[in-house]
């Protein structure tokens, strides 16, 4: 028998159906920061290669990293690193079976966001002051 109409099956839910929650946003941010860290690690490799290549190469990389755009990229990289690490700790706690209650999940999500921003700002404050 041939079908005459569309198959009647449930559709997968998507972002337009779900109301965004802190945990959903944290999951998306964890994936984004993971990808950003992959590419941002190339910055660390470039610095190490420049160090091995000599003073001229190192000065060139320092000049790029010291520019306004370079500092902005490094700020984003350091935030992604800290945010991803805190998200990893959150998942580690969940792997033990703790913190899975709704209120605790929300608290962990907000602590990860606020903590990553605060720690990144502190890191950069110490960099410029110290």
Protein backbone atom coordinates (compact mmCIF):
# COMPACT_ATOMS: atom_id res chain seq x y z
CA UNK A 1 0.00 0.00 0.00
CA UNK A 2 1.25 3.46 -0.84
CA UNK A 3 1.15 6.28 1.68
CA UNK A 4 -0.97 9.24 0.77
CA UNK A 5 -0.03 11.74 3.46
CA UNK A 6 2.77 12.64 5.82
CA UNK A 7 3.78 10.08 8.39
CA UNK A 8 2.09 10.60 11.70
CA UNK A 9 4.85 10.48 14.24
CA UNK A 10 5.90 12.71 17.10
CA UNK A 11 8.24 15.56 16.26
CA UNK A 12 11.41 16.09 18.23
CA UNK A 13 11.22 19.05 20.56
CA UNK A 14 13.53 21.92 19.74
CA UNK A 15 14.64 25.25 21.23
CA UNK A 16 11.50 27.05 20.08
CA UNK A 17 9.35 24.73 22.18
CA UNK A 18 11.39 24.61 25.37
CA UNK A 19 11.61 27.62 27.65
CA UNK A 20 15.33 28.23 28.24
CA UNK A 21 16.50 27.35 31.73
CA UNK A 22 19.81 27.98 33.45
CA UNK A 23 20.75 24.32 33.08
CA UNK A 24 19.99 24.37 29.35
CA UNK A 25 22.05 27.52 28.83
CA UNK A 26 24.89 26.04 30.88
CA UNK A 27 24.89 22.92 28.72
CA UNK A 28 25.09 24.99 25.55
CA UNK A 29 27.81 27.24 27.03
CA UNK A 30 29.80 24.20 28.15
CA UNK A 31 29.87 22.92 24.57
CA UNK A 32 30.72 26.35 23.14
CA UNK A 33 33.54 26.94 25.63
CA UNK A 34 34.89 23.46 24.91
CA UNK A 35 35.10 24.29 21.20
CA UNK A 36 36.58 27.72 21.96
CA UNK A 37 39.25 26.10 24.12
CA UNK A 38 40.21 23.83 21.24
CA UNK A 39 40.91 26.84 19.02
CA UNK A 40 42.23 28.99 21.86
CA UNK A 41 44.86 26.40 22.64
CA UNK A 42 46.40 27.33 19.30
CA UNK A 43 47.25 30.66 20.96
CA UNK A 44 49.24 28.82 23.61
CA UNK A 45 50.97 26.75 20.93
CA UNK A 46 51.82 29.91 18.97
CA UNK A 47 53.38 31.42 22.09
CA UNK A 48 55.42 28.29 22.78
CA UNK A 49 56.60 28.07 19.17
CA UNK A 50 57.55 31.76 19.28
CA UNK A 51 59.51 31.16 22.49
CA UNK A 52 61.40 28.33 20.83
CA UNK A 53 62.00 30.37 17.66
CA UNK A 54 63.77 33.22 19.43
CA UNK A 55 63.41 36.75 20.70
CA UNK A 56 62.16 38.24 17.42
CA UNK A 57 59.30 35.77 17.05
CA UNK A 58 58.43 36.08 20.73
CA UNK A 59 58.31 39.89 20.50
CA UNK A 60 56.02 39.64 17.47
CA UNK A 61 53.60 37.34 19.28
CA UNK A 62 53.73 39.53 22.39
CA UNK A 63 52.90 42.52 20.22
CA UNK A 64 49.84 40.76 18.83
CA UNK A 65 48.70 39.46 22.22
CA UNK A 66 49.31 42.87 23.80
CA UNK A 67 47.10 44.71 21.31
CA UNK A 68 43.55 45.62 22.28
CA UNK A 69 42.10 42.85 20.08
CA UNK A 70 44.68 40.37 21.38
CA UNK A 71 43.82 41.15 24.98
CA UNK A 72 40.13 40.82 24.23
CA UNK A 73 40.72 37.39 22.69
CA UNK A 74 42.89 36.34 25.65
CA UNK A 75 40.23 37.61 28.07
CA UNK A 76 37.63 35.48 26.26
CA UNK A 77 39.98 32.49 26.26
CA UNK A 78 40.63 32.80 29.99
CA UNK A 79 36.89 33.12 30.70
CA UNK A 80 36.17 30.05 28.54
CA UNK A 81 38.86 28.10 30.37
CA UNK A 82 37.56 29.03 33.82
CA UNK A 83 33.90 28.57 32.84
CA UNK A 84 34.56 25.17 31.28
CA UNK A 85 36.54 24.06 34.34
CA UNK A 86 33.77 25.10 36.73
CA UNK A 87 31.23 23.36 34.51
CA UNK A 88 33.39 20.25 34.64
CA UNK A 89 33.42 20.40 38.44
CA UNK A 90 29.64 20.73 38.37
CA UNK A 91 29.41 17.59 36.23
CA UNK A 92 31.85 15.79 38.53
CA UNK A 93 29.56 16.48 41.49
CA UNK A 94 26.59 15.23 39.46
CA UNK A 95 28.51 12.06 38.59
CA UNK A 96 28.56 11.22 42.31
CA UNK A 97 24.76 11.41 42.34
CA UNK A 98 24.72 14.61 44.40
CA UNK A 99 23.23 17.95 43.45
CA UNK A 100 20.59 16.63 41.07
CA UNK A 101 17.66 18.34 42.79
CA UNK A 102 16.10 21.16 40.78
CA UNK A 103 17.05 23.92 43.23
CA UNK A 104 20.64 22.66 43.50
CA UNK A 105 21.00 22.40 39.70
CA UNK A 106 19.85 26.01 39.35
CA UNK A 107 22.19 27.14 42.13
CA UNK A 108 25.14 25.32 40.50
CA UNK A 109 24.30 26.94 37.17
CA UNK A 110 24.25 30.45 38.58
CA UNK A 111 27.38 29.79 40.64
CA UNK A 112 29.18 28.65 37.49
CA UNK A 113 28.19 31.78 35.57
CA UNK A 114 28.92 34.23 38.39
CA UNK A 115 32.01 32.34 39.52
CA UNK A 116 33.54 32.21 36.05
CA UNK A 117 33.01 35.93 35.50
CA UNK A 118 34.33 36.83 38.96
CA UNK A 119 37.39 34.58 38.69
CA UNK A 120 38.19 35.88 35.20
CA UNK A 121 37.96 39.48 36.37
CA UNK A 122 40.14 38.68 39.39
CA UNK A 123 42.70 36.96 37.18
CA UNK A 124 42.93 39.99 34.90
CA UNK A 125 42.95 42.42 37.83
CA UNK A 126 45.93 40.58 39.33
CA UNK A 127 47.58 40.55 35.91
CA UNK A 128 47.40 44.33 35.58
CA UNK A 129 47.94 45.27 39.23
CA UNK A 130 50.46 42.63 40.23
